[in-house]
Amino acid sequence: DLIARTGIVNLGPVEADSAGRAKVEDKFGNAHFPRIRAARADLKIEQGAKILVVDRVGSELTVVPAELRALENAR
């Protein structure tokens, strides 16, 4: 399961209506390159950005920028 894992966008930018791909490692260190979409319509995540996987919808993972989650947790 890749939910709650971080990764790097390697094909982007990623938006809610425009999928991309990211490199995400599982708990064993195996690299996966799933299709991803932004979790919110107001997010645009550029290629090379660090992301956090927050959900799965069908065969795609839903992501947010990793720094966004860190900021929300700091509040």
PDB file of N, CA and C in Angstrom:
ATOM      1  N   ASP A   1       0.840  -1.181   0.000  1.00  0.00           N
ATOM      2  CA  ASP A   1       0.000   0.000   0.000  1.00  0.00           C
ATOM      3  C   ASP A   1       0.886   1.246   0.000  1.00  0.00           C
ATOM      4  N   LEU A   2       0.611   2.165  -0.883  1.00  0.00           N
ATOM      5  CA  LEU A   2       1.430   3.375  -1.016  1.00  0.00           C
ATOM      6  C   LEU A   2       0.814   4.591  -0.328  1.00  0.00           C
ATOM      7  N   ILE A   3      -0.369   4.452   0.265  1.00  0.00           N
ATOM      8  CA  ILE A   3      -0.985   5.580   0.971  1.00  0.00           C
ATOM      9  C   ILE A   3      -0.117   5.941   2.176  1.00  0.00           C
ATOM     10  N   ALA A   4       0.086   7.245   2.346  1.00  0.00           N
ATOM     11  CA  ALA A   4       0.925   7.847   3.395  1.00  0.00           C
ATOM     12  C   ALA A   4       2.416   7.780   3.059  1.00  0.00           C
ATOM     13  N   ARG A   5       2.767   7.350   1.859  1.00  0.00           N
ATOM     14  CA  ARG A   5       4.162   7.336   1.423  1.00  0.00           C
ATOM     15  C   ARG A   5       4.436   8.634   0.659  1.00  0.00           C
ATOM     16  N   THR A   6       5.684   9.051   0.645  1.00  0.00           N
ATOM     17  CA  THR A   6       6.072  10.219  -0.130  1.00  0.00           C
ATOM     18  C   THR A   6       6.765   9.775  -1.408  1.00  0.00           C
ATOM     19  N   GLY A   7       6.823  10.686  -2.369  1.00  0.00           N
ATOM     20  CA  GLY A   7       7.475  10.400  -3.639  1.00  0.00           C
ATOM     21  C   GLY A   7       7.811  11.689  -4.352  1.00  0.00           C
ATOM     22  N   ILE A   8       8.270  11.555  -5.590  1.00  0.00           N
ATOM     23  CA  ILE A   8       8.660  12.690  -6.419  1.00  0.00           C
ATOM     24  C   ILE A   8       7.893  12.620  -7.742  1.00  0.00           C
ATOM     25  N   VAL A   9       7.307  13.740  -8.144  1.00  0.00           N
ATOM     26  CA  VAL A   9       6.617  13.801  -9.439  1.00  0.00           C
ATOM     27  C   VAL A   9       7.663  13.711 -10.534  1.00  0.00           C
ATOM     28  N   ASN A  10       7.554  12.706 -11.400  1.00  0.00           N
ATOM     29  CA  ASN A  10       8.512  12.598 -12.508  1.00  0.00           C
ATOM     30  C   ASN A  10       7.861  12.823 -13.865  1.00  0.00           C
ATOM     31  N   LEU A  11       6.555  13.026 -13.897  1.00  0.00           N
ATOM     32  CA  LEU A  11       5.853  13.424 -15.116  1.00  0.00           C
ATOM     33  C   LEU A  11       4.723  14.343 -14.676  1.00  0.00           C
ATOM     34  N   GLY A  12       4.851  15.601 -14.991  1.00  0.00           N
ATOM     35  CA  GLY A  12       3.880  16.576 -14.502  1.00  0.00           C
ATOM     36  C   GLY A  12       3.892  17.800 -15.391  1.00  0.00           C
ATOM     37  N   PRO A  13       3.189  18.837 -15.009  1.00  0.00           N
ATOM     38  CA  PRO A  13       2.573  19.054 -13.703  1.00  0.00           C
ATOM     39  C   PRO A  13       1.324  18.203 -13.492  1.00  0.00           C
ATOM     40  N   VAL A  14       0.953  18.074 -12.227  1.00  0.00           N
ATOM     41  CA  VAL A  14      -0.195  17.269 -11.824  1.00  0.00           C
ATOM     42  C   VAL A  14      -1.268  18.201 -11.274  1.00  0.00           C
ATOM     43  N   GLU A  15      -2.487  18.027 -11.760  1.00  0.00           N
ATOM     44  CA  GLU A  15      -3.632  18.788 -11.269  1.00  0.00           C
ATOM     45  C   GLU A  15      -4.779  17.811 -11.051  1.00  0.00           C
ATOM     46  N   ALA A  16      -5.884  18.290 -10.518  1.00  0.00           N
ATOM     47  CA  ALA A  16      -7.041  17.420 -10.277  1.00  0.00           C
ATOM     48  C   ALA A  16      -7.601  16.868 -11.585  1.00  0.00           C
ATOM     49  N   ASP A  17      -7.505  17.650 -12.673  1.00  0.00           N
ATOM     50  CA  ASP A  17      -8.040  17.204 -13.960  1.00  0.00           C
ATOM     51  C   ASP A  17      -6.948  16.796 -14.949  1.00  0.00           C
ATOM     52  N   SER A  18      -5.716  16.657 -14.479  1.00  0.00           N
ATOM     53  CA  SER A  18      -4.598  16.287 -15.341  1.00  0.00           C
ATOM     54  C   SER A  18      -3.649  15.359 -14.586  1.00  0.00           C
ATOM     55  N   ALA A  19      -3.661  14.084 -14.950  1.00  0.00           N
ATOM     56  CA  ALA A  19      -2.840  13.092 -14.254  1.00  0.00           C
ATOM     57  C   ALA A  19      -1.373  13.193 -14.662  1.00  0.00           C
ATOM     58  N   GLY A  20      -0.535  12.697 -13.795  1.00  0.00           N
ATOM     59  CA  GLY A  20       0.893  12.590 -14.057  1.00  0.00           C
ATOM     60  C   GLY A  20       1.394  11.282 -13.479  1.00  0.00           C
ATOM     61  N   ARG A  21       2.690  11.201 -13.286  1.00  0.00           N
ATOM     62  CA  ARG A  21       3.289  10.013 -12.668  1.00  0.00           C
ATOM     63  C   ARG A  21       4.288  10.457 -11.616  1.00  0.00           C
ATOM     64  N   ALA A  22       4.483   9.572 -10.634  1.00  0.00           N
ATOM     65  CA  ALA A  22       5.455   9.847  -9.582  1.00  0.00           C
ATOM     66  C   ALA A  22       6.222   8.575  -9.270  1.00  0.00           C
ATOM     67  N   LYS A  23       7.408   8.753  -8.736  1.00  0.00           N
ATOM     68  CA  LYS A  23       8.179   7.631  -8.210  1.00  0.00           C
ATOM     69  C   LYS A  23       7.893   7.579  -6.714  1.00  0.00           C
ATOM     70  N   VAL A  24       7.322   6.460  -6.273  1.00  0.00           N
ATOM     71  CA  VAL A  24       6.989   6.254  -4.867  1.00  0.00           C
ATOM     72  C   VAL A  24       7.554   4.901  -4.454  1.00  0.00           C
ATOM     73  N   GLU A  25       8.275   4.875  -3.338  1.00  0.00           N
ATOM     74  CA  GLU A  25       8.824   3.606  -2.858  1.00  0.00           C
ATOM     75  C   GLU A  25       7.911   3.006  -1.799  1.00  0.00           C
ATOM     76  N   ASP A  26       7.729   1.688  -1.868  1.00  0.00           N
ATOM     77  CA  ASP A  26       6.942   1.002  -0.848  1.00  0.00           C
ATOM     78  C   ASP A  26       7.805   0.753   0.386  1.00  0.00           C
ATOM     79  N   LYS A  27       7.246   0.114   1.399  1.00  0.00           N
ATOM     80  CA  LYS A  27       7.973  -0.088   2.653  1.00  0.00           C
ATOM     81  C   LYS A  27       9.177  -1.008   2.511  1.00  0.00           C
ATOM     82  N   PHE A  28       9.288  -1.717   1.408  1.00  0.00           N
ATOM     83  CA  PHE A  28      10.421  -2.594   1.160  1.00  0.00           C
ATOM     84  C   PHE A  28      11.503  -1.931   0.307  1.00  0.00           C
ATOM     85  N   GLY A  29      11.248  -0.683  -0.108  1.00  0.00           N
ATOM     86  CA  GLY A  29      12.204   0.038  -0.935  1.00  0.00           C
ATOM     87  C   GLY A  29      12.033  -0.180  -2.429  1.00  0.00           C
ATOM     88  N   ASN A  30      10.974  -0.878  -2.825  1.00  0.00           N
ATOM     89  CA  ASN A  30      10.701  -1.100  -4.243  1.00  0.00           C
ATOM     90  C   ASN A  30      10.071   0.151  -4.842  1.00  0.00           C
ATOM     91  N   ALA A  31      10.567   0.580  -5.990  1.00  0.00           N
ATOM     92  CA  ALA A  31      10.047   1.778  -6.658  1.00  0.00           C
ATOM     93  C   ALA A  31       8.815   1.433  -7.485  1.00  0.00           C
ATOM     94  N   HIS A  32       7.809   2.299  -7.392  1.00  0.00           N
ATOM     95  CA  HIS A  32       6.588   2.194  -8.185  1.00  0.00           C
ATOM     96  C   HIS A  32       6.402   3.527  -8.904  1.00  0.00           C
ATOM     97  N   PHE A  33       5.762   3.500 -10.061  1.00  0.00           N
ATOM     98  CA  PHE A  33       5.550   4.700 -10.868  1.00  0.00           C
ATOM     99  C   PHE A  33       4.059   4.824 -11.211  1.00  0.00           C
ATOM    100  N   PRO A  34       3.222   5.065 -10.198  1.00  0.00           N
ATOM    101  CA  PRO A  34       1.772   5.112 -10.417  1.00  0.00           C
ATOM    102  C   PRO A  34       1.322   6.417 -11.063  1.00  0.00           C
ATOM    103  N   ARG A  35       0.130   6.347 -11.677  1.00  0.00           N
ATOM    104  CA  ARG A  35      -0.544   7.574 -12.143  1.00  0.00           C
ATOM    105  C   ARG A  35      -1.054   8.291 -10.903  1.00  0.00           C
ATOM    106  N   ILE A  36      -0.926   9.606 -10.906  1.00  0.00           N
ATOM    107  CA  ILE A  36      -1.350  10.414  -9.762  1.00  0.00           C
ATOM    108  C   ILE A  36      -2.170  11.604 -10.219  1.00  0.00           C
ATOM    109  N   ARG A  37      -3.019  12.092  -9.310  1.00  0.00           N
ATOM    110  CA  ARG A  37      -3.794  13.318  -9.516  1.00  0.00           C
ATOM    111  C   ARG A  37      -3.757  14.119  -8.222  1.00  0.00           C
ATOM    112  N   ALA A  38      -3.852  15.435  -8.356  1.00  0.00           N
ATOM    113  CA  ALA A  38      -3.909  16.311  -7.189  1.00  0.00           C
ATOM    114  C   ALA A  38      -5.217  16.068  -6.441  1.00  0.00           C
ATOM    115  N   ALA A  39      -5.154  16.142  -5.125  1.00  0.00           N
ATOM    116  CA  ALA A  39      -6.319  15.863  -4.290  1.00  0.00           C
ATOM    117  C   ALA A  39      -7.352  16.979  -4.307  1.00  0.00           C
ATOM    118  N   ARG A  40      -6.930  18.197  -4.670  1.00  0.00           N
ATOM    119  CA  ARG A  40      -7.848  19.337  -4.679  1.00  0.00           C
ATOM    120  C   ARG A  40      -7.739  20.075  -6.002  1.00  0.00           C
ATOM    121  N   ALA A  41      -8.823  20.701  -6.402  1.00  0.00           N
ATOM    122  CA  ALA A  41      -8.864  21.427  -7.669  1.00  0.00           C
ATOM    123  C   ALA A  41      -7.938  22.635  -7.689  1.00  0.00           C
ATOM    124  N   ASP A  42      -7.607  23.190  -6.529  1.00  0.00           N
ATOM    125  CA  ASP A  42      -6.757  24.385  -6.479  1.00  0.00           C
ATOM    126  C   ASP A  42      -5.267  24.069  -6.437  1.00  0.00           C
ATOM    127  N   LEU A  43      -4.894  22.807  -6.528  1.00  0.00           N
ATOM    128  CA  LEU A  43      -3.487  22.421  -6.474  1.00  0.00           C
ATOM    129  C   LEU A  43      -2.915  22.173  -7.863  1.00  0.00           C
ATOM    130  N   LYS A  44      -1.719  22.676  -8.092  1.00  0.00           N
ATOM    131  CA  LYS A  44      -0.938  22.354  -9.278  1.00  0.00           C
ATOM    132  C   LYS A  44       0.449  21.972  -8.767  1.00  0.00           C
ATOM    133  N   ILE A  45       0.824  20.718  -8.981  1.00  0.00           N
ATOM    134  CA  ILE A  45       2.072  20.191  -8.440  1.00  0.00           C
ATOM    135  C   ILE A  45       3.045  19.998  -9.598  1.00  0.00           C
ATOM    136  N   GLU A  46       4.143  20.705  -9.537  1.00  0.00           N
ATOM    137  CA  GLU A  46       5.110  20.707 -10.633  1.00  0.00           C
ATOM    138  C   GLU A  46       5.982  19.452 -10.643  1.00  0.00           C
ATOM    139  N   GLN A  47       6.528  19.151 -11.806  1.00  0.00           N
ATOM    140  CA  GLN A  47       7.473  18.048 -11.950  1.00  0.00           C
ATOM    141  C   GLN A  47       8.657  18.297 -11.030  1.00  0.00           C
ATOM    142  N   GLY A  48       9.104  17.256 -10.330  1.00  0.00           N
ATOM    143  CA  GLY A  48      10.218  17.368  -9.400  1.00  0.00           C
ATOM    144  C   GLY A  48       9.806  17.649  -7.971  1.00  0.00           C
ATOM    145  N   ALA A  49       8.522  17.981  -7.749  1.00  0.00           N
ATOM    146  CA  ALA A  49       8.040  18.294  -6.407  1.00  0.00           C
ATOM    147  C   ALA A  49       7.866  17.013  -5.586  1.00  0.00           C
ATOM    148  N   LYS A  50       8.053  17.143  -4.277  1.00  0.00           N
ATOM    149  CA  LYS A  50       7.828  16.030  -3.363  1.00  0.00           C
ATOM    150  C   LYS A  50       6.343  15.974  -3.036  1.00  0.00           C
ATOM    151  N   ILE A  51       5.769  14.774  -3.092  1.00  0.00           N
ATOM    152  CA  ILE A  51       4.331  14.598  -2.864  1.00  0.00           C
ATOM    153  C   ILE A  51       4.090  13.587  -1.745  1.00  0.00           C
ATOM    154  N   LEU A  52       2.871  13.654  -1.205  1.00  0.00           N
ATOM    155  CA  LEU A  52       2.399  12.697  -0.210  1.00  0.00           C
ATOM    156  C   LEU A  52       1.139  12.046  -0.760  1.00  0.00           C
ATOM    157  N   VAL A  53       1.106  10.734  -0.767  1.00  0.00           N
ATOM    158  CA  VAL A  53      -0.059   9.988  -1.250  1.00  0.00           C
ATOM    159  C   VAL A  53      -1.114   9.977  -0.142  1.00  0.00           C
ATOM    160  N   VAL A  54      -2.325  10.446  -0.460  1.00  0.00           N
ATOM    161  CA  VAL A  54      -3.379  10.534   0.553  1.00  0.00           C
ATOM    162  C   VAL A  54      -4.563   9.601   0.299  1.00  0.00           C
ATOM    163  N   ASP A  55      -4.705   9.079  -0.926  1.00  0.00           N
ATOM    164  CA  ASP A  55      -5.852   8.218  -1.216  1.00  0.00           C
ATOM    165  C   ASP A  55      -5.620   7.488  -2.536  1.00  0.00           C
ATOM    166  N   ARG A  56      -6.502   6.541  -2.813  1.00  0.00           N
ATOM    167  CA  ARG A  56      -6.513   5.830  -4.096  1.00  0.00           C
ATOM    168  C   ARG A  56      -7.924   5.917  -4.645  1.00  0.00           C
ATOM    169  N   VAL A  57      -8.034   6.295  -5.922  1.00  0.00           N
ATOM    170  CA  VAL A  57      -9.320   6.325  -6.605  1.00  0.00           C
ATOM    171  C   VAL A  57      -9.148   5.490  -7.861  1.00  0.00           C
ATOM    172  N   GLY A  58      -9.745   4.314  -7.855  1.00  0.00           N
ATOM    173  CA  GLY A  58      -9.553   3.398  -8.979  1.00  0.00           C
ATOM    174  C   GLY A  58      -8.093   2.983  -9.055  1.00  0.00           C
ATOM    175  N   SER A  59      -7.489   3.175 -10.216  1.00  0.00           N
ATOM    176  CA  SER A  59      -6.085   2.798 -10.401  1.00  0.00           C
ATOM    177  C   SER A  59      -5.128   3.967 -10.184  1.00  0.00           C
ATOM    178  N   GLU A  60      -5.650   5.144  -9.820  1.00  0.00           N
ATOM    179  CA  GLU A  60      -4.810   6.325  -9.620  1.00  0.00           C
ATOM    180  C   GLU A  60      -4.692   6.667  -8.138  1.00  0.00           C
ATOM    181  N   LEU A  61      -3.549   7.260  -7.797  1.00  0.00           N
ATOM    182  CA  LEU A  61      -3.340   7.733  -6.438  1.00  0.00           C
ATOM    183  C   LEU A  61      -3.629   9.223  -6.382  1.00  0.00           C
ATOM    184  N   THR A  62      -4.197   9.664  -5.280  1.00  0.00           N
ATOM    185  CA  THR A  62      -4.478  11.073  -5.040  1.00  0.00           C
ATOM    186  C   THR A  62      -3.368  11.606  -4.144  1.00  0.00           C
ATOM    187  N   VAL A  63      -2.814  12.772  -4.511  1.00  0.00           N
ATOM    188  CA  VAL A  63      -1.650  13.297  -3.796  1.00  0.00           C
ATOM    189  C   VAL A  63      -1.812  14.773  -3.450  1.00  0.00           C
ATOM    190  N   VAL A  64      -1.020  15.211  -2.474  1.00  0.00           N
ATOM    191  CA  VAL A  64      -0.860  16.625  -2.135  1.00  0.00           C
ATOM    192  C   VAL A  64       0.630  16.893  -2.064  1.00  0.00           C
ATOM    193  N   PRO A  65       1.038  18.157  -2.207  1.00  0.00           N
ATOM    194  CA  PRO A  65       2.455  18.466  -2.004  1.00  0.00           C
ATOM    195  C   PRO A  65       2.844  18.093  -0.571  1.00  0.00           C
ATOM    196  N   ALA A  66       3.979  17.471  -0.380  1.00  0.00           N
ATOM    197  CA  ALA A  66       4.401  17.028   0.950  1.00  0.00           C
ATOM    198  C   ALA A  66       4.515  18.197   1.913  1.00  0.00           C
ATOM    199  N   GLU A  67       4.971  19.360   1.437  1.00  0.00           N
ATOM    200  CA  GLU A  67       5.112  20.513   2.334  1.00  0.00           C
ATOM    201  C   GLU A  67       3.750  21.051   2.772  1.00  0.00           C
ATOM    202  N   LEU A  68       2.714  20.867   1.974  1.00  0.00           N
ATOM    203  CA  LEU A  68       1.369  21.293   2.351  1.00  0.00           C
ATOM    204  C   LEU A  68       0.902  20.507   3.569  1.00  0.00           C
ATOM    205  N   ARG A  69       1.111  19.217   3.571  1.00  0.00           N
ATOM    206  CA  ARG A  69       0.708  18.376   4.702  1.00  0.00           C
ATOM    207  C   ARG A  69       1.490  18.771   5.948  1.00  0.00           C
ATOM    208  N   ALA A  70       2.785  19.061   5.795  1.00  0.00           N
ATOM    209  CA  ALA A  70       3.597  19.484   6.932  1.00  0.00           C
ATOM    210  C   ALA A  70       3.086  20.797   7.522  1.00  0.00           C
ATOM    211  N   LEU A  71       2.688  21.734   6.654  1.00  0.00           N
ATOM    212  CA  LEU A  71       2.147  23.007   7.133  1.00  0.00           C
ATOM    213  C   LEU A  71       0.835  22.821   7.862  1.00  0.00           C
ATOM    214  N   GLU A  72      -0.043  21.949   7.348  1.00  0.00           N
ATOM    215  CA  GLU A  72      -1.326  21.707   7.987  1.00  0.00           C
ATOM    216  C   GLU A  72      -1.139  21.051   9.352  1.00  0.00           C
ATOM    217  N   ASN A  73      -0.158  20.154   9.471  1.00  0.00           N
ATOM    218  CA  ASN A  73       0.106  19.490  10.748  1.00  0.00           C
ATOM    219  C   ASN A  73       0.708  20.422  11.777  1.00  0.00           C
ATOM    220  N   ALA A  74       1.396  21.465  11.338  1.00  0.00           N
ATOM    221  CA  ALA A  74       2.051  22.401  12.238  1.00  0.00           C
ATOM    222  C   ALA A  74       1.055  23.363  12.896  1.00  0.00           C
ATOM    223  N   ARG A  75      -0.137  23.489  12.321  1.00  0.00           N
ATOM    224  CA  ARG A  75      -1.138  24.430  12.865  1.00  0.00           C
ATOM    225  C   ARG A  75      -1.736  23.959  14.156  1.00  0.00           C
TER     226      ARG A  75
END
